[in-house]
Amino acid sequence: MRAPSLALAGGLAVCAGLSPVSAGTHQDVVVGDFAAGSLSGWHEKVFKGKTRYELVPSDTGMVLRADSQASASGLFREMKVDLDKTPCLTWSWKVDGILDGLDETTKAGDDYPARVYVVFSGGLAFWNTRAINYVWSAGRPLGSSWPNAYTSQSVNVAAQSGPKNVGQWVSQSRNIRDDYETLIGGQAPQVDAIAIMSDSDDSGRSAKAYYGNVRFTPSC
């Protein structure tokens, strides 16, 4: 998939006038309230064919289902988040299968059944935009990181890896401020956008995933 984080961020470079979502509080910042049946604030970005996203019922309430058929499109939400107040991103996800046999360090293998992007806009200096891409990897070591095959400005992180948890809901929590300092370097700026994507366009295969609520919290 062709660097969706930076393609999304191209439209984020001029949104510096938005007010921080967490201004004046240390409460959770809700990014995706899928359990309430809401996609408010989310927009679609199509790269190659449309991955189908829809809210569906589950045992725990509504969740977001993504169905990719050799396609690559994502949902993104522009919002500023102060990482000094809410540094931890939490979400849950489930995949029906992994895209095994791919070299995920190459463009031909840059497909994942589930991704969650955190985008840091460079403002008017759009070339300074950075992104961290948490993926459900097929075979990269759990917790490992590597440059996105299409751009060095985006870093992939194997938040889940392999078939062990396929078909099960997995809860994730990442300290974005710490990850930024470790993976990109320097003091983490505010977050400017979050994106969700399931894609299988490079391999021409199919992938299905489910996403639960997404939020920023004061602690992990």
Protein backbone atom coordinates (compact mmCIF):
# COMPACT_ATOMS: atom_id res chain seq x y z
CA MET A 1 0.00 0.00 0.00
CA ARG A 2 1.43 3.32 -1.09
CA ALA A 3 2.26 5.23 2.09
CA PRO A 4 -1.32 5.98 3.15
CA SER A 5 -0.19 7.77 6.27
CA LEU A 6 1.58 10.47 4.31
CA ALA A 7 -1.12 10.71 1.68
CA LEU A 8 -3.60 11.32 4.47
CA ALA A 9 -1.25 13.72 6.14
CA GLY A 10 -0.93 15.80 3.01
CA GLY A 11 -4.39 17.09 3.78
CA LEU A 12 -3.55 17.56 7.44
CA ALA A 13 -0.64 19.94 6.99
CA VAL A 14 -2.88 23.00 7.04
CA CYS A 15 -5.10 22.06 9.98
CA ALA A 16 -2.95 23.70 12.66
CA GLY A 17 -5.84 25.93 13.69
CA LEU A 18 -7.87 23.11 15.24
CA SER A 19 -8.23 23.23 19.01
CA PRO A 20 -6.65 20.37 20.96
CA VAL A 21 -9.30 17.78 21.82
CA SER A 22 -7.92 17.23 25.29
CA ALA A 23 -7.37 20.89 26.17
CA GLY A 24 -7.70 21.55 29.88
CA THR A 25 -8.47 17.96 30.90
CA HIS A 26 -6.80 14.66 31.59
CA GLN A 27 -9.83 12.63 30.58
CA ASP A 28 -9.87 10.00 27.88
CA VAL A 29 -10.03 11.34 24.33
CA VAL A 30 -12.44 9.27 22.27
CA VAL A 31 -11.33 8.83 18.66
CA GLY A 32 -13.70 6.09 17.51
CA ASP A 33 -16.91 5.31 19.41
CA PHE A 34 -17.90 2.35 17.28
CA ALA A 35 -19.74 0.61 20.14
CA ALA A 36 -22.24 3.47 20.07
CA GLY A 37 -22.78 2.89 16.35
CA SER A 38 -21.04 6.12 15.40
CA LEU A 39 -18.61 7.00 12.62
CA SER A 40 -18.82 10.69 13.38
CA GLY A 41 -15.74 12.59 12.27
CA TRP A 42 -14.34 9.74 10.16
CA HIS A 43 -13.67 10.13 6.44
CA GLU A 44 -12.62 7.73 3.70
CA LYS A 45 -9.44 7.87 1.66
CA VAL A 46 -9.23 5.54 -1.36
CA PHE A 47 -5.89 4.39 -2.76
CA LYS A 48 -6.65 1.36 -4.91
CA GLY A 49 -10.16 -0.01 -4.83
CA LYS A 50 -12.44 0.35 -1.82
CA THR A 51 -12.15 -1.69 1.31
CA ARG A 52 -15.67 -2.02 2.65
CA TYR A 53 -16.12 -0.55 6.13
CA GLU A 54 -19.36 -0.93 8.06
CA LEU A 55 -20.60 -0.99 11.62
CA VAL A 56 -21.87 -4.44 12.61
CA PRO A 57 -23.20 -5.94 15.87
CA SER A 58 -21.02 -8.16 18.05
CA ASP A 59 -21.28 -9.77 21.46
CA THR A 60 -19.90 -6.61 23.05
CA GLY A 61 -21.83 -4.07 20.98
CA MET A 62 -21.21 -2.50 17.60
CA VAL A 63 -17.79 -2.81 15.99
CA LEU A 64 -16.25 -1.65 12.73
CA ARG A 65 -15.79 -4.41 10.16
CA ALA A 66 -13.33 -4.04 7.27
CA ASP A 67 -13.46 -6.28 4.21
CA SER A 68 -10.63 -5.89 1.70
CA GLN A 69 -10.79 -7.63 -1.68
CA ALA A 70 -7.48 -6.76 -3.37
CA SER A 71 -8.26 -3.21 -2.30
CA ALA A 72 -6.76 -0.42 -0.25
CA SER A 73 -8.78 2.35 1.33
CA GLY A 74 -8.83 3.66 4.85
CA LEU A 75 -10.85 5.69 7.30
CA PHE A 76 -9.20 8.65 8.98
CA ARG A 77 -10.11 11.23 11.56
CA GLU A 78 -8.37 14.56 11.94
CA MET A 79 -8.06 15.58 15.57
CA LYS A 80 -5.36 17.12 17.70
CA VAL A 81 -4.36 15.19 20.81
CA ASP A 82 -1.99 16.48 23.49
CA LEU A 83 0.34 13.60 24.30
CA ASP A 84 1.46 15.24 27.55
CA LYS A 85 -2.08 14.72 28.85
CA THR A 86 -3.16 11.54 27.09
CA PRO A 87 -0.08 9.74 25.73
CA CYS A 88 -1.53 6.23 25.43
CA LEU A 89 -3.52 4.96 22.45
CA THR A 90 -5.81 2.03 23.23
CA TRP A 91 -7.89 -0.03 20.84
CA SER A 92 -9.09 -3.57 20.21
CA TRP A 93 -9.08 -5.55 16.99
CA LYS A 94 -9.64 -8.99 15.52
CA VAL A 95 -8.64 -10.52 12.18
CA ASP A 96 -10.05 -13.55 10.38
CA GLY A 97 -6.65 -14.47 8.95
CA ILE A 98 -3.16 -13.22 8.17
CA LEU A 99 -1.57 -12.50 4.81
CA ASP A 100 1.26 -14.99 5.13
CA GLY A 101 4.10 -15.52 2.66
CA LEU A 102 4.70 -11.80 2.08
CA ASP A 103 7.94 -9.91 2.56
CA GLU A 104 6.52 -6.99 4.51
CA THR A 105 9.67 -4.92 4.05
CA THR A 106 8.96 -4.63 0.31
CA LYS A 107 6.34 -2.77 -1.70
CA ALA A 108 4.96 -6.04 -3.05
CA GLY A 109 4.39 -7.26 0.50
CA ASP A 110 3.05 -4.09 2.10
CA ASP A 111 -0.38 -5.55 2.91
CA TYR A 112 -1.93 -6.07 6.34
CA PRO A 113 -5.34 -7.28 7.47
CA ALA A 114 -5.39 -4.53 10.11
CA ARG A 115 -3.54 -1.25 10.65
CA VAL A 116 -3.88 1.70 13.00
CA TYR A 117 -1.97 4.86 12.02
CA VAL A 118 -0.97 7.77 14.20
CA VAL A 119 -0.07 10.84 12.13
CA PHE A 120 2.01 13.82 13.22
CA SER A 121 1.59 16.69 10.79
CA GLY A 122 4.53 18.85 9.79
CA GLY A 123 2.19 21.82 9.48
CA LEU A 124 3.03 23.96 6.48
CA ALA A 125 6.33 22.04 6.29
CA PHE A 126 4.45 18.98 5.07
CA TRP A 127 7.73 17.20 4.34
CA ASN A 128 8.22 16.93 8.10
CA THR A 129 5.06 14.87 8.53
CA ARG A 130 5.70 11.57 10.30
CA ALA A 131 3.57 8.53 11.09
CA ILE A 132 3.64 5.39 13.20
CA ASN A 133 1.78 2.47 11.69
CA TYR A 134 0.71 -0.32 14.08
CA VAL A 135 0.05 -3.45 12.05
CA TRP A 136 -1.09 -7.04 12.45
CA SER A 137 1.94 -8.60 10.81
CA ALA A 138 2.04 -12.05 9.25
CA GLY A 139 5.55 -12.91 10.33
CA ARG A 140 7.64 -10.01 11.58
CA PRO A 141 8.71 -10.42 15.23
CA LEU A 142 6.18 -9.15 17.74
CA GLY A 143 7.10 -5.62 18.81
CA SER A 144 9.63 -5.13 16.01
CA SER A 145 9.70 -2.05 13.81
CA TRP A 146 10.86 -1.31 10.26
CA PRO A 147 10.56 1.51 7.70
CA ASN A 148 7.47 1.59 5.54
CA ALA A 149 8.34 0.16 2.13
CA TYR A 150 7.13 3.30 0.37
CA THR A 151 8.47 6.05 2.61
CA SER A 152 11.02 6.41 5.39
CA GLN A 153 8.74 8.96 7.06
CA SER A 154 6.42 6.19 8.27
CA VAL A 155 7.49 3.46 10.68
CA ASN A 156 5.73 0.08 10.89
CA VAL A 157 5.35 -1.65 14.25
CA ALA A 158 4.22 -5.27 14.67
CA ALA A 159 1.62 -4.76 17.39
CA GLN A 160 0.44 -8.33 16.65
CA SER A 161 2.20 -11.02 14.66
CA GLY A 162 1.34 -14.38 13.19
CA PRO A 163 -1.70 -16.65 13.54
CA LYS A 164 -1.67 -17.10 17.34
CA ASN A 165 -4.53 -14.69 18.06
CA VAL A 166 -6.40 -14.96 14.76
CA GLY A 167 -10.15 -15.04 15.36
CA GLN A 168 -9.81 -13.53 18.84
CA TRP A 169 -10.32 -10.02 20.09
CA VAL A 170 -7.03 -8.49 21.21
CA SER A 171 -6.76 -5.31 23.29
CA GLN A 172 -3.79 -3.05 22.53
CA SER A 173 -2.24 -0.13 24.36
CA ARG A 174 0.76 1.89 23.17
CA ASN A 175 2.46 4.87 24.72
CA ILE A 176 2.63 7.06 21.62
CA ARG A 177 4.88 9.65 23.23
CA ASP A 178 7.45 6.98 24.12
CA ASP A 179 7.13 5.23 20.76
CA TYR A 180 7.72 8.50 18.92
CA GLU A 181 10.88 9.21 20.89
CA THR A 182 12.15 5.67 20.34
CA LEU A 183 11.17 5.12 16.71
CA ILE A 184 11.41 8.63 15.24
CA GLY A 185 13.48 10.60 17.71
CA GLY A 186 13.05 13.83 19.58
CA GLN A 187 10.16 15.11 21.62
CA ALA A 188 6.80 13.90 20.36
CA PRO A 189 4.56 16.63 18.94
CA GLN A 190 0.81 16.54 19.24
CA VAL A 191 -1.09 13.94 17.25
CA ASP A 192 -2.96 15.35 14.26
CA ALA A 193 -4.85 12.35 12.90
CA ILE A 194 -5.66 8.68 13.38
CA ALA A 195 -6.33 6.27 10.53
CA ILE A 196 -7.60 2.70 10.27
CA MET A 197 -6.98 0.53 7.24
CA SER A 198 -7.23 -3.05 6.06
CA ASP A 199 -5.55 -3.57 2.68
CA SER A 200 -4.62 -6.40 0.34
CA ASP A 201 -4.03 -4.61 -2.95
CA ASP A 202 -0.34 -5.39 -3.42
CA SER A 203 -0.85 -9.14 -2.97
CA GLY A 204 -4.22 -9.23 -4.76
CA ARG A 205 -5.68 -11.24 -1.88
CA SER A 206 -8.47 -10.67 0.63
CA ALA A 207 -8.50 -9.70 4.29
CA LYS A 208 -11.15 -9.14 6.92
CA ALA A 209 -10.75 -7.40 10.27
CA TYR A 210 -12.82 -5.91 13.06
CA TYR A 211 -12.01 -2.82 15.11
CA GLY A 212 -13.33 -1.86 18.54
CA ASN A 213 -13.33 1.57 20.14
CA VAL A 214 -10.23 3.75 19.79
CA ARG A 215 -9.20 6.29 22.41
CA PHE A 216 -6.30 8.13 24.00
CA THR A 217 -5.88 7.71 27.75
CA PRO A 218 -3.68 9.29 30.47
CA SER A 219 -2.02 5.93 31.26
CA CYS A 220 -1.46 2.60 29.52
